[in-house]
Amino acid sequence: MVKGKGPRKTQKKADLVPSPSPPPRPVVSEYSPPALVELARAIRLAVGALLDLADAAAEVISKRMEGRAD
């Protein structure tokens, strides 16, 4: 026997020790394209709202500038 090491396991002893089970895998949807479509739709709506806000702000600024020009 080598110093610091125990005796080797025989095949019978190795069979008695259960092998560690792998960690549970996350459940992944097989249909990722609909999720991507939903994400694209959400981004499109957000960008549209931002453009509407910017357009309204530009209109207010333009009207103020016209009032000062007179």
PDB file of N, CA and C in Angstrom:
ATOM      1  N   MET A   1       0.839  -1.170   0.000  1.00  0.00           N
ATOM      2  CA  MET A   1       0.000   0.000   0.000  1.00  0.00           C
ATOM      3  C   MET A   1       0.893   1.246   0.000  1.00  0.00           C
ATOM      4  N   VAL A   2       0.465   2.268  -0.783  1.00  0.00           N
ATOM      5  CA  VAL A   2       1.209   3.513  -0.883  1.00  0.00           C
ATOM      6  C   VAL A   2       0.811   4.399   0.286  1.00  0.00           C
ATOM      7  N   LYS A   3       1.764   5.133   0.794  1.00  0.00           N
ATOM      8  CA  LYS A   3       1.517   5.995   1.943  1.00  0.00           C
ATOM      9  C   LYS A   3       0.464   7.058   1.608  1.00  0.00           C
ATOM     10  N   GLY A   4      -0.573   7.200   2.451  1.00  0.00           N
ATOM     11  CA  GLY A   4      -1.606   8.202   2.268  1.00  0.00           C
ATOM     12  C   GLY A   4      -2.756   7.762   1.385  1.00  0.00           C
ATOM     13  N   LYS A   5      -2.669   6.594   0.792  1.00  0.00           N
ATOM     14  CA  LYS A   5      -3.759   6.126  -0.063  1.00  0.00           C
ATOM     15  C   LYS A   5      -4.330   4.844   0.510  1.00  0.00           C
ATOM     16  N   GLY A   6      -5.635   4.707   0.407  1.00  0.00           N
ATOM     17  CA  GLY A   6      -6.288   3.500   0.887  1.00  0.00           C
ATOM     18  C   GLY A   6      -6.217   2.407  -0.169  1.00  0.00           C
ATOM     19  N   PRO A   7      -6.716   1.246   0.180  1.00  0.00           N
ATOM     20  CA  PRO A   7      -6.698   0.157  -0.804  1.00  0.00           C
ATOM     21  C   PRO A   7      -7.652   0.473  -1.959  1.00  0.00           C
ATOM     22  N   ARG A   8      -7.329  -0.063  -3.116  1.00  0.00           N
ATOM     23  CA  ARG A   8      -8.189   0.148  -4.279  1.00  0.00           C
ATOM     24  C   ARG A   8      -9.511  -0.583  -4.093  1.00  0.00           C
ATOM     25  N   LYS A   9     -10.562  -0.013  -4.658  1.00  0.00           N
ATOM     26  CA  LYS A   9     -11.866  -0.657  -4.581  1.00  0.00           C
ATOM     27  C   LYS A   9     -11.918  -1.790  -5.591  1.00  0.00           C
ATOM     28  N   THR A  10     -12.507  -2.845  -5.173  1.00  0.00           N
ATOM     29  CA  THR A  10     -12.718  -3.932  -6.125  1.00  0.00           C
ATOM     30  C   THR A  10     -13.951  -3.594  -6.935  1.00  0.00           C
ATOM     31  N   GLN A  11     -14.201  -4.328  -7.984  1.00  0.00           N
ATOM     32  CA  GLN A  11     -15.355  -4.040  -8.837  1.00  0.00           C
ATOM     33  C   GLN A  11     -16.655  -4.186  -8.044  1.00  0.00           C
ATOM     34  N   LYS A  12     -16.727  -5.151  -7.133  1.00  0.00           N
ATOM     35  CA  LYS A  12     -17.946  -5.342  -6.345  1.00  0.00           C
ATOM     36  C   LYS A  12     -18.197  -4.133  -5.436  1.00  0.00           C
ATOM     37  N   LYS A  13     -17.169  -3.619  -4.791  1.00  0.00           N
ATOM     38  CA  LYS A  13     -17.328  -2.459  -3.920  1.00  0.00           C
ATOM     39  C   LYS A  13     -17.682  -1.220  -4.738  1.00  0.00           C
ATOM     40  N   ALA A  14     -17.116  -1.099  -5.917  1.00  0.00           N
ATOM     41  CA  ALA A  14     -17.413   0.048  -6.767  1.00  0.00           C
ATOM     42  C   ALA A  14     -18.865   0.016  -7.221  1.00  0.00           C
ATOM     43  N   ASP A  15     -19.423  -1.171  -7.423  1.00  0.00           N
ATOM     44  CA  ASP A  15     -20.819  -1.283  -7.828  1.00  0.00           C
ATOM     45  C   ASP A  15     -21.769  -0.864  -6.714  1.00  0.00           C
ATOM     46  N   LEU A  16     -21.350  -0.986  -5.467  1.00  0.00           N
ATOM     47  CA  LEU A  16     -22.212  -0.639  -4.348  1.00  0.00           C
ATOM     48  C   LEU A  16     -22.326   0.873  -4.158  1.00  0.00           C
ATOM     49  N   VAL A  17     -21.346   1.625  -4.629  1.00  0.00           N
ATOM     50  CA  VAL A  17     -21.357   3.075  -4.467  1.00  0.00           C
ATOM     51  C   VAL A  17     -22.152   3.679  -5.626  1.00  0.00           C
ATOM     52  N   PRO A  18     -23.239   4.379  -5.319  1.00  0.00           N
ATOM     53  CA  PRO A  18     -24.020   4.964  -6.416  1.00  0.00           C
ATOM     54  C   PRO A  18     -23.246   6.098  -7.084  1.00  0.00           C
ATOM     55  N   SER A  19     -23.369   6.164  -8.393  1.00  0.00           N
ATOM     56  CA  SER A  19     -22.688   7.240  -9.106  1.00  0.00           C
ATOM     57  C   SER A  19     -23.471   8.532  -8.880  1.00  0.00           C
ATOM     58  N   PRO A  20     -22.784   9.643  -8.786  1.00  0.00           N
ATOM     59  CA  PRO A  20     -23.500  10.909  -8.555  1.00  0.00           C
ATOM     60  C   PRO A  20     -24.366  11.247  -9.769  1.00  0.00           C
ATOM     61  N   SER A  21     -25.578  11.670  -9.483  1.00  0.00           N
ATOM     62  CA  SER A  21     -26.473  12.003 -10.591  1.00  0.00           C
ATOM     63  C   SER A  21     -26.131  13.396 -11.097  1.00  0.00           C
ATOM     64  N   PRO A  22     -26.290  13.623 -12.394  1.00  0.00           N
ATOM     65  CA  PRO A  22     -25.992  14.951 -12.931  1.00  0.00           C
ATOM     66  C   PRO A  22     -27.007  15.966 -12.423  1.00  0.00           C
ATOM     67  N   PRO A  23     -26.622  17.227 -12.364  1.00  0.00           N
ATOM     68  CA  PRO A  23     -27.565  18.248 -11.894  1.00  0.00           C
ATOM     69  C   PRO A  23     -28.744  18.351 -12.857  1.00  0.00           C
ATOM     70  N   PRO A  24     -29.906  18.747 -12.361  1.00  0.00           N
ATOM     71  CA  PRO A  24     -31.070  18.849 -13.254  1.00  0.00           C
ATOM     72  C   PRO A  24     -30.841  19.909 -14.307  1.00  0.00           C
ATOM     73  N   ARG A  25     -31.273  19.607 -15.522  1.00  0.00           N
ATOM     74  CA  ARG A  25     -31.107  20.531 -16.628  1.00  0.00           C
ATOM     75  C   ARG A  25     -32.321  21.440 -16.710  1.00  0.00           C
ATOM     76  N   PRO A  26     -32.100  22.705 -17.054  1.00  0.00           N
ATOM     77  CA  PRO A  26     -33.241  23.618 -17.177  1.00  0.00           C
ATOM     78  C   PRO A  26     -34.114  23.215 -18.363  1.00  0.00           C
ATOM     79  N   VAL A  27     -35.404  23.456 -18.218  1.00  0.00           N
ATOM     80  CA  VAL A  27     -36.331  23.137 -19.289  1.00  0.00           C
ATOM     81  C   VAL A  27     -36.255  24.265 -20.310  1.00  0.00           C
ATOM     82  N   VAL A  28     -35.949  23.892 -21.529  1.00  0.00           N
ATOM     83  CA  VAL A  28     -35.810  24.875 -22.598  1.00  0.00           C
ATOM     84  C   VAL A  28     -36.955  24.689 -23.574  1.00  0.00           C
ATOM     85  N   SER A  29     -37.582  25.772 -23.914  1.00  0.00           N
ATOM     86  CA  SER A  29     -38.683  25.706 -24.857  1.00  0.00           C
ATOM     87  C   SER A  29     -38.148  25.329 -26.224  1.00  0.00           C
ATOM     88  N   GLU A  30     -38.833  24.422 -26.876  1.00  0.00           N
ATOM     89  CA  GLU A  30     -38.422  24.024 -28.219  1.00  0.00           C
ATOM     90  C   GLU A  30     -38.817  25.080 -29.236  1.00  0.00           C
ATOM     91  N   TYR A  31     -39.739  25.954 -28.871  1.00  0.00           N
ATOM     92  CA  TYR A  31     -40.237  26.954 -29.794  1.00  0.00           C
ATOM     93  C   TYR A  31     -39.688  28.322 -29.424  1.00  0.00           C
ATOM     94  N   SER A  32     -38.397  28.538 -29.670  1.00  0.00           N
ATOM     95  CA  SER A  32     -37.817  29.839 -29.364  1.00  0.00           C
ATOM     96  C   SER A  32     -38.177  30.905 -30.393  1.00  0.00           C
ATOM     97  N   PRO A  33     -38.437  30.582 -31.664  1.00  0.00           N
ATOM     98  CA  PRO A  33     -38.797  31.652 -32.590  1.00  0.00           C
ATOM     99  C   PRO A  33     -39.999  32.483 -32.148  1.00  0.00           C
ATOM    100  N   PRO A  34     -41.089  31.896 -31.615  1.00  0.00           N
ATOM    101  CA  PRO A  34     -42.170  32.775 -31.141  1.00  0.00           C
ATOM    102  C   PRO A  34     -41.703  33.725 -30.039  1.00  0.00           C
ATOM    103  N   ALA A  35     -40.794  33.277 -29.205  1.00  0.00           N
ATOM    104  CA  ALA A  35     -40.266  34.161 -28.158  1.00  0.00           C
ATOM    105  C   ALA A  35     -39.493  35.309 -28.800  1.00  0.00           C
ATOM    106  N   LEU A  36     -38.755  35.007 -29.859  1.00  0.00           N
ATOM    107  CA  LEU A  36     -38.017  36.063 -30.549  1.00  0.00           C
ATOM    108  C   LEU A  36     -38.973  37.026 -31.246  1.00  0.00           C
ATOM    109  N   VAL A  37     -40.060  36.498 -31.774  1.00  0.00           N
ATOM    110  CA  VAL A  37     -41.057  37.348 -32.415  1.00  0.00           C
ATOM    111  C   VAL A  37     -41.684  38.274 -31.387  1.00  0.00           C
ATOM    112  N   GLU A  38     -41.989  37.742 -30.206  1.00  0.00           N
ATOM    113  CA  GLU A  38     -42.553  38.574 -29.132  1.00  0.00           C
ATOM    114  C   GLU A  38     -41.561  39.647 -28.694  1.00  0.00           C
ATOM    115  N   LEU A  39     -40.295  39.288 -28.610  1.00  0.00           N
ATOM    116  CA  LEU A  39     -39.267  40.258 -28.234  1.00  0.00           C
ATOM    117  C   LEU A  39     -39.164  41.353 -29.295  1.00  0.00           C
ATOM    118  N   ALA A  40     -39.174  40.966 -30.553  1.00  0.00           N
ATOM    119  CA  ALA A  40     -39.100  41.956 -31.627  1.00  0.00           C
ATOM    120  C   ALA A  40     -40.319  42.873 -31.600  1.00  0.00           C
ATOM    121  N   ARG A  41     -41.481  42.302 -31.317  1.00  0.00           N
ATOM    122  CA  ARG A  41     -42.699  43.110 -31.254  1.00  0.00           C
ATOM    123  C   ARG A  41     -42.632  44.113 -30.095  1.00  0.00           C
ATOM    124  N   ALA A  42     -42.131  43.659 -28.958  1.00  0.00           N
ATOM    125  CA  ALA A  42     -42.004  44.543 -27.796  1.00  0.00           C
ATOM    126  C   ALA A  42     -41.018  45.673 -28.084  1.00  0.00           C
ATOM    127  N   ILE A  43     -39.913  45.349 -28.741  1.00  0.00           N
ATOM    128  CA  ILE A  43     -38.932  46.372 -29.085  1.00  0.00           C
ATOM    129  C   ILE A  43     -39.532  47.361 -30.073  1.00  0.00           C
ATOM    130  N   ARG A  44     -40.278  46.844 -31.049  1.00  0.00           N
ATOM    131  CA  ARG A  44     -40.913  47.706 -32.039  1.00  0.00           C
ATOM    132  C   ARG A  44     -41.893  48.670 -31.372  1.00  0.00           C
ATOM    133  N   LEU A  45     -42.669  48.171 -30.426  1.00  0.00           N
ATOM    134  CA  LEU A  45     -43.611  49.040 -29.713  1.00  0.00           C
ATOM    135  C   LEU A  45     -42.885  50.104 -28.893  1.00  0.00           C
ATOM    136  N   ALA A  46     -41.808  49.699 -28.227  1.00  0.00           N
ATOM    137  CA  ALA A  46     -41.045  50.653 -27.412  1.00  0.00           C
ATOM    138  C   ALA A  46     -40.416  51.738 -28.286  1.00  0.00           C
ATOM    139  N   VAL A  47     -39.858  51.335 -29.427  1.00  0.00           N
ATOM    140  CA  VAL A  47     -39.243  52.314 -30.329  1.00  0.00           C
ATOM    141  C   VAL A  47     -40.315  53.243 -30.889  1.00  0.00           C
ATOM    142  N   GLY A  48     -41.487  52.699 -31.224  1.00  0.00           N
ATOM    143  CA  GLY A  48     -42.581  53.525 -31.722  1.00  0.00           C
ATOM    144  C   GLY A  48     -43.021  54.556 -30.701  1.00  0.00           C
ATOM    145  N   ALA A  49     -43.135  54.141 -29.458  1.00  0.00           N
ATOM    146  CA  ALA A  49     -43.529  55.074 -28.393  1.00  0.00           C
ATOM    147  C   ALA A  49     -42.469  56.155 -28.207  1.00  0.00           C
ATOM    148  N   LEU A  50     -41.207  55.762 -28.278  1.00  0.00           N
ATOM    149  CA  LEU A  50     -40.118  56.728 -28.136  1.00  0.00           C
ATOM    150  C   LEU A  50     -40.130  57.740 -29.286  1.00  0.00           C
ATOM    151  N   LEU A  51     -40.398  57.274 -30.499  1.00  0.00           N
ATOM    152  CA  LEU A  51     -40.480  58.181 -31.648  1.00  0.00           C
ATOM    153  C   LEU A  51     -41.668  59.129 -31.523  1.00  0.00           C
ATOM    154  N   ASP A  52     -42.788  58.619 -31.019  1.00  0.00           N
ATOM    155  CA  ASP A  52     -43.952  59.488 -30.804  1.00  0.00           C
ATOM    156  C   ASP A  52     -43.629  60.575 -29.783  1.00  0.00           C
ATOM    157  N   LEU A  53     -42.955  60.207 -28.732  1.00  0.00           N
ATOM    158  CA  LEU A  53     -42.563  61.171 -27.702  1.00  0.00           C
ATOM    159  C   LEU A  53     -41.593  62.211 -28.273  1.00  0.00           C
ATOM    160  N   ALA A  54     -40.632  61.764 -29.043  1.00  0.00           N
ATOM    161  CA  ALA A  54     -39.665  62.685 -29.639  1.00  0.00           C
ATOM    162  C   ALA A  54     -40.359  63.626 -30.624  1.00  0.00           C
ATOM    163  N   ASP A  55     -41.326  63.098 -31.379  1.00  0.00           N
ATOM    164  CA  ASP A  55     -42.066  63.926 -32.332  1.00  0.00           C
ATOM    165  C   ASP A  55     -42.867  65.003 -31.602  1.00  0.00           C
ATOM    166  N   ALA A  56     -43.517  64.618 -30.516  1.00  0.00           N
ATOM    167  CA  ALA A  56     -44.291  65.578 -29.736  1.00  0.00           C
ATOM    168  C   ALA A  56     -43.379  66.646 -29.128  1.00  0.00           C
ATOM    169  N   ALA A  57     -42.224  66.228 -28.640  1.00  0.00           N
ATOM    170  CA  ALA A  57     -41.281  67.185 -28.057  1.00  0.00           C
ATOM    171  C   ALA A  57     -40.768  68.152 -29.127  1.00  0.00           C
ATOM    172  N   ALA A  58     -40.487  67.630 -30.306  1.00  0.00           N
ATOM    173  CA  ALA A  58     -40.008  68.489 -31.399  1.00  0.00           C
ATOM    174  C   ALA A  58     -41.085  69.487 -31.805  1.00  0.00           C
ATOM    175  N   GLU A  59     -42.334  69.051 -31.796  1.00  0.00           N
ATOM    176  CA  GLU A  59     -43.432  69.961 -32.141  1.00  0.00           C
ATOM    177  C   GLU A  59     -43.554  71.090 -31.122  1.00  0.00           C
ATOM    178  N   VAL A  60     -43.449  70.768 -29.847  1.00  0.00           N
ATOM    179  CA  VAL A  60     -43.523  71.784 -28.789  1.00  0.00           C
ATOM    180  C   VAL A  60     -42.376  72.768 -28.934  1.00  0.00           C
ATOM    181  N   ILE A  61     -41.191  72.262 -29.166  1.00  0.00           N
ATOM    182  CA  ILE A  61     -40.022  73.140 -29.311  1.00  0.00           C
ATOM    183  C   ILE A  61     -40.192  74.033 -30.534  1.00  0.00           C
ATOM    184  N   SER A  62     -40.697  73.471 -31.629  1.00  0.00           N
ATOM    185  CA  SER A  62     -40.902  74.268 -32.850  1.00  0.00           C
ATOM    186  C   SER A  62     -41.905  75.390 -32.614  1.00  0.00           C
ATOM    187  N   LYS A  63     -42.987  75.081 -31.921  1.00  0.00           N
ATOM    188  CA  LYS A  63     -44.007  76.112 -31.638  1.00  0.00           C
ATOM    189  C   LYS A  63     -43.439  77.201 -30.739  1.00  0.00           C
ATOM    190  N   ARG A  64     -42.619  76.859 -29.784  1.00  0.00           N
ATOM    191  CA  ARG A  64     -41.996  77.865 -28.916  1.00  0.00           C
ATOM    192  C   ARG A  64     -41.054  78.748 -29.704  1.00  0.00           C
ATOM    193  N   MET A  65     -40.301  78.117 -30.610  1.00  0.00           N
ATOM    194  CA  MET A  65     -39.358  78.884 -31.424  1.00  0.00           C
ATOM    195  C   MET A  65     -40.104  79.848 -32.352  1.00  0.00           C
ATOM    196  N   GLU A  66     -41.241  79.430 -32.897  1.00  0.00           N
ATOM    197  CA  GLU A  66     -42.040  80.296 -33.763  1.00  0.00           C
ATOM    198  C   GLU A  66     -42.573  81.486 -32.972  1.00  0.00           C
ATOM    199  N   GLY A  67     -42.985  81.268 -31.747  1.00  0.00           N
ATOM    200  CA  GLY A  67     -43.505  82.339 -30.894  1.00  0.00           C
ATOM    201  C   GLY A  67     -42.442  83.373 -30.582  1.00  0.00           C
ATOM    202  N   ARG A  68     -41.207  82.960 -30.436  1.00  0.00           N
ATOM    203  CA  ARG A  68     -40.110  83.877 -30.136  1.00  0.00           C
ATOM    204  C   ARG A  68     -39.697  84.680 -31.373  1.00  0.00           C
ATOM    205  N   ALA A  69     -39.901  84.077 -32.541  1.00  0.00           N
ATOM    206  CA  ALA A  69     -39.486  84.757 -33.776  1.00  0.00           C
ATOM    207  C   ALA A  69     -40.357  85.969 -34.062  1.00  0.00           C
ATOM    208  N   ASP A  70     -41.579  85.970 -33.600  1.00  0.00           N
ATOM    209  CA  ASP A  70     -42.488  87.079 -33.896  1.00  0.00           C
ATOM    210  C   ASP A  70     -42.179  88.293 -33.120  1.00  0.00           C
TER     211      ASP A  70
END
